[in-house]
Amino acid sequence: MRGAGSFRFFVDAESITIGADQVVRYVSVARSRTGVESVSFDGLRCSTVSHRVYATGRTADKSWSIVRGGEWKKLSLGAQGRQHLVLIRDFFCPSGFTIATRKEGVNAMRAGSHPDAVSNHPEVRR
């Protein structure tokens, strides 16, 4: 997934989980054109269109640092973190509902979007 600026964004398909709380959690990687990487363990809440970072990864020793006091942040079009909004809209929360399984999310990513994504149905775009 391409983002603003010089970063490319990736999701580790094996890390995707859907909690009983309907939060989609996953590991994401932001990679600059020069190869610098930022790794995080994130959550998306479809019902509130919000994002949270649970932990950040250290690429040098492949360990995690828990983000203390990490709060849910509402996502919007003009805000930083547009990649998370794309994940909500096109892959993990099609038509505003949380995907049911990891496989559903992986299939959506492989296809380029979820078949029920709002962006695939211009007549119902928000």
C-alpha atoms as a PDB file:
ATOM      1  CA  MET A   1       0.000   0.000   0.000  1.00  0.00           C
ATOM      2  CA  ARG A   2       1.409   3.389  -0.953  1.00  0.00           C
ATOM      3  CA  GLY A   3       1.052   6.302   1.388  1.00  0.00           C
ATOM      4  CA  ALA A   4       1.748   9.980   1.320  1.00  0.00           C
ATOM      5  CA  GLY A   5       5.322  11.026   0.813  1.00  0.00           C
ATOM      6  CA  SER A   6       8.107   8.562   0.357  1.00  0.00           C
ATOM      7  CA  PHE A   7       6.787   5.711   2.501  1.00  0.00           C
ATOM      8  CA  ARG A   8       5.337   2.360   1.487  1.00  0.00           C
ATOM      9  CA  PHE A   9       3.146   0.505   3.971  1.00  0.00           C
ATOM     10  CA  PHE A  10       2.832  -3.226   4.576  1.00  0.00           C
ATOM     11  CA  VAL A  11       0.705  -5.465   6.814  1.00  0.00           C
ATOM     12  CA  ASP A  12       1.977  -8.803   8.105  1.00  0.00           C
ATOM     13  CA  ALA A  13      -0.871 -11.100   7.017  1.00  0.00           C
ATOM     14  CA  GLU A  14      -0.049 -13.703   9.666  1.00  0.00           C
ATOM     15  CA  SER A  15      -0.403 -11.150  12.437  1.00  0.00           C
ATOM     16  CA  ILE A  16      -4.015 -10.151  11.693  1.00  0.00           C
ATOM     17  CA  THR A  17      -6.438 -11.031  14.490  1.00  0.00           C
ATOM     18  CA  ILE A  18     -10.026 -10.067  15.216  1.00  0.00           C
ATOM     19  CA  GLY A  19     -10.760  -9.772  18.921  1.00  0.00           C
ATOM     20  CA  ALA A  20     -13.987 -10.450  20.786  1.00  0.00           C
ATOM     21  CA  ASP A  21     -14.088  -6.650  21.140  1.00  0.00           C
ATOM     22  CA  GLN A  22     -14.328  -6.402  17.303  1.00  0.00           C
ATOM     23  CA  VAL A  23     -10.905  -4.735  17.060  1.00  0.00           C
ATOM     24  CA  VAL A  24      -8.700  -5.790  14.146  1.00  0.00           C
ATOM     25  CA  ARG A  25      -5.080  -6.029  15.321  1.00  0.00           C
ATOM     26  CA  TYR A  26      -2.059  -6.397  13.063  1.00  0.00           C
ATOM     27  CA  VAL A  27       1.631  -5.641  12.606  1.00  0.00           C
ATOM     28  CA  SER A  28       2.373  -2.855  10.137  1.00  0.00           C
ATOM     29  CA  VAL A  29       5.618  -1.757   8.546  1.00  0.00           C
ATOM     30  CA  ALA A  30       6.293   1.669   7.067  1.00  0.00           C
ATOM     31  CA  ARG A  31       9.368   1.661   4.810  1.00  0.00           C
ATOM     32  CA  SER A  32      11.040   4.749   3.383  1.00  0.00           C
ATOM     33  CA  ARG A  33      12.643   4.887  -0.049  1.00  0.00           C
ATOM     34  CA  THR A  34      16.012   4.683   1.673  1.00  0.00           C
ATOM     35  CA  GLY A  35      15.039   1.455   3.445  1.00  0.00           C
ATOM     36  CA  VAL A  36      14.411   2.843   6.937  1.00  0.00           C
ATOM     37  CA  GLU A  37      11.597   0.892   8.599  1.00  0.00           C
ATOM     38  CA  SER A  38       9.106   1.676  11.318  1.00  0.00           C
ATOM     39  CA  VAL A  39       7.261  -1.335  12.770  1.00  0.00           C
ATOM     40  CA  SER A  40       4.195  -1.219  15.004  1.00  0.00           C
ATOM     41  CA  PHE A  41       1.474  -3.421  16.456  1.00  0.00           C
ATOM     42  CA  ASP A  42      -1.769  -1.580  15.738  1.00  0.00           C
ATOM     43  CA  GLY A  43      -5.494  -1.885  16.270  1.00  0.00           C
ATOM     44  CA  LEU A  44      -8.435  -0.589  14.244  1.00  0.00           C
ATOM     45  CA  ARG A  45     -11.910  -0.149  15.694  1.00  0.00           C
ATOM     46  CA  CYS A  46     -14.422  -0.147  12.855  1.00  0.00           C
ATOM     47  CA  SER A  47     -17.358   1.132  14.910  1.00  0.00           C
ATOM     48  CA  THR A  48     -15.577   4.406  15.746  1.00  0.00           C
ATOM     49  CA  VAL A  49     -13.192   4.602  12.751  1.00  0.00           C
ATOM     50  CA  SER A  50     -10.270   4.860  15.123  1.00  0.00           C
ATOM     51  CA  HIS A  51      -6.690   3.612  15.428  1.00  0.00           C
ATOM     52  CA  ARG A  52      -4.403   2.733  18.302  1.00  0.00           C
ATOM     53  CA  VAL A  53      -0.730   1.744  18.552  1.00  0.00           C
ATOM     54  CA  TYR A  54      -0.107  -0.976  21.153  1.00  0.00           C
ATOM     55  CA  ALA A  55       3.635  -1.404  20.622  1.00  0.00           C
ATOM     56  CA  THR A  56       6.490  -0.318  18.415  1.00  0.00           C
ATOM     57  CA  GLY A  57       9.101  -2.667  17.059  1.00  0.00           C
ATOM     58  CA  ARG A  58      12.844  -2.306  17.274  1.00  0.00           C
ATOM     59  CA  THR A  59      14.308  -3.595  14.040  1.00  0.00           C
ATOM     60  CA  ALA A  60      17.842  -3.868  15.453  1.00  0.00           C
ATOM     61  CA  ASP A  61      17.053  -6.554  18.029  1.00  0.00           C
ATOM     62  CA  LYS A  62      13.547  -7.553  16.833  1.00  0.00           C
ATOM     63  CA  SER A  63      11.961  -6.697  20.181  1.00  0.00           C
ATOM     64  CA  TRP A  64       8.840  -4.734  21.086  1.00  0.00           C
ATOM     65  CA  SER A  65       8.340  -1.660  23.215  1.00  0.00           C
ATOM     66  CA  ILE A  66       4.837  -1.304  24.668  1.00  0.00           C
ATOM     67  CA  VAL A  67       3.240   2.099  24.092  1.00  0.00           C
ATOM     68  CA  ARG A  68       2.093   3.212  27.518  1.00  0.00           C
ATOM     69  CA  GLY A  69      -1.098   5.224  27.640  1.00  0.00           C
ATOM     70  CA  GLY A  70      -1.759   4.650  23.950  1.00  0.00           C
ATOM     71  CA  GLU A  71      -5.198   5.995  23.205  1.00  0.00           C
ATOM     72  CA  TRP A  72      -7.693   5.483  20.421  1.00  0.00           C
ATOM     73  CA  LYS A  73      -7.485   8.255  17.826  1.00  0.00           C
ATOM     74  CA  LYS A  74     -10.289   9.036  15.424  1.00  0.00           C
ATOM     75  CA  LEU A  75      -9.148   8.858  11.798  1.00  0.00           C
ATOM     76  CA  SER A  76      -9.984  11.439   9.144  1.00  0.00           C
ATOM     77  CA  LEU A  77      -9.015  12.066   5.535  1.00  0.00           C
ATOM     78  CA  GLY A  78      -6.644  14.940   6.169  1.00  0.00           C
ATOM     79  CA  ALA A  79      -4.864  13.420   9.161  1.00  0.00           C
ATOM     80  CA  GLN A  80      -1.565  11.615   9.384  1.00  0.00           C
ATOM     81  CA  GLY A  81      -2.027   7.877   9.298  1.00  0.00           C
ATOM     82  CA  ARG A  82      -4.074   7.819   6.122  1.00  0.00           C
ATOM     83  CA  GLN A  83      -2.860   4.242   5.614  1.00  0.00           C
ATOM     84  CA  HIS A  84      -4.984   3.169   8.588  1.00  0.00           C
ATOM     85  CA  LEU A  85      -8.041   4.837   7.100  1.00  0.00           C
ATOM     86  CA  VAL A  86      -7.440   2.925   3.863  1.00  0.00           C
ATOM     87  CA  LEU A  87      -7.203  -0.324   5.834  1.00  0.00           C
ATOM     88  CA  ILE A  88     -10.513   0.439   7.541  1.00  0.00           C
ATOM     89  CA  ARG A  89     -12.330   1.544   4.393  1.00  0.00           C
ATOM     90  CA  ASP A  90     -11.039  -0.995   1.867  1.00  0.00           C
ATOM     91  CA  PHE A  91      -9.903  -4.066   3.774  1.00  0.00           C
ATOM     92  CA  PHE A  92     -10.835  -4.585   7.433  1.00  0.00           C
ATOM     93  CA  CYS A  93     -14.172  -2.762   7.838  1.00  0.00           C
ATOM     94  CA  PRO A  94     -16.050  -3.067   4.556  1.00  0.00           C
ATOM     95  CA  SER A  95     -19.330  -1.152   4.677  1.00  0.00           C
ATOM     96  CA  GLY A  96     -18.485  -0.236   8.281  1.00  0.00           C
ATOM     97  CA  PHE A  97     -18.507  -3.795   9.655  1.00  0.00           C
ATOM     98  CA  THR A  98     -15.517  -5.679  11.079  1.00  0.00           C
ATOM     99  CA  ILE A  99     -14.247  -8.597   9.012  1.00  0.00           C
ATOM    100  CA  ALA A 100     -15.052 -11.981  10.535  1.00  0.00           C
ATOM    101  CA  THR A 101     -11.741 -13.767  10.012  1.00  0.00           C
ATOM    102  CA  ARG A 102      -8.062 -13.192   9.264  1.00  0.00           C
ATOM    103  CA  LYS A 103      -8.560 -15.040   5.980  1.00  0.00           C
ATOM    104  CA  GLU A 104     -11.213 -12.519   4.914  1.00  0.00           C
ATOM    105  CA  GLY A 105      -8.745  -9.668   5.506  1.00  0.00           C
ATOM    106  CA  VAL A 106      -5.894 -11.453   3.738  1.00  0.00           C
ATOM    107  CA  ASN A 107      -8.107 -12.227   0.738  1.00  0.00           C
ATOM    108  CA  ALA A 108      -9.147  -8.564   0.570  1.00  0.00           C
ATOM    109  CA  MET A 109      -5.509  -7.418   0.623  1.00  0.00           C
ATOM    110  CA  ARG A 110      -4.543  -9.899  -2.084  1.00  0.00           C
ATOM    111  CA  ALA A 111      -7.475  -8.764  -4.251  1.00  0.00           C
ATOM    112  CA  GLY A 112      -6.691  -5.067  -3.752  1.00  0.00           C
ATOM    113  CA  SER A 113      -9.844  -4.413  -1.696  1.00  0.00           C
ATOM    114  CA  HIS A 114     -12.726  -6.198   0.014  1.00  0.00           C
ATOM    115  CA  PRO A 115     -15.654  -6.897  -2.353  1.00  0.00           C
ATOM    116  CA  ASP A 116     -17.987  -5.119   0.108  1.00  0.00           C
ATOM    117  CA  ALA A 117     -15.736  -2.066   0.529  1.00  0.00           C
ATOM    118  CA  VAL A 118     -17.528   1.250   0.142  1.00  0.00           C
ATOM    119  CA  SER A 119     -14.956   2.289  -2.471  1.00  0.00           C
ATOM    120  CA  ASN A 120     -16.195  -0.577  -4.679  1.00  0.00           C
ATOM    121  CA  HIS A 121     -19.760   0.733  -4.526  1.00  0.00           C
ATOM    122  CA  PRO A 122     -19.812   4.390  -5.631  1.00  0.00           C
ATOM    123  CA  GLU A 123     -23.560   4.609  -5.109  1.00  0.00           C
ATOM    124  CA  VAL A 124     -23.114   4.260  -1.339  1.00  0.00           C
ATOM    125  CA  ARG A 125     -19.901   6.244  -0.769  1.00  0.00           C
ATOM    126  CA  ARG A 126     -19.927   8.313   2.377  1.00  0.00           C
END
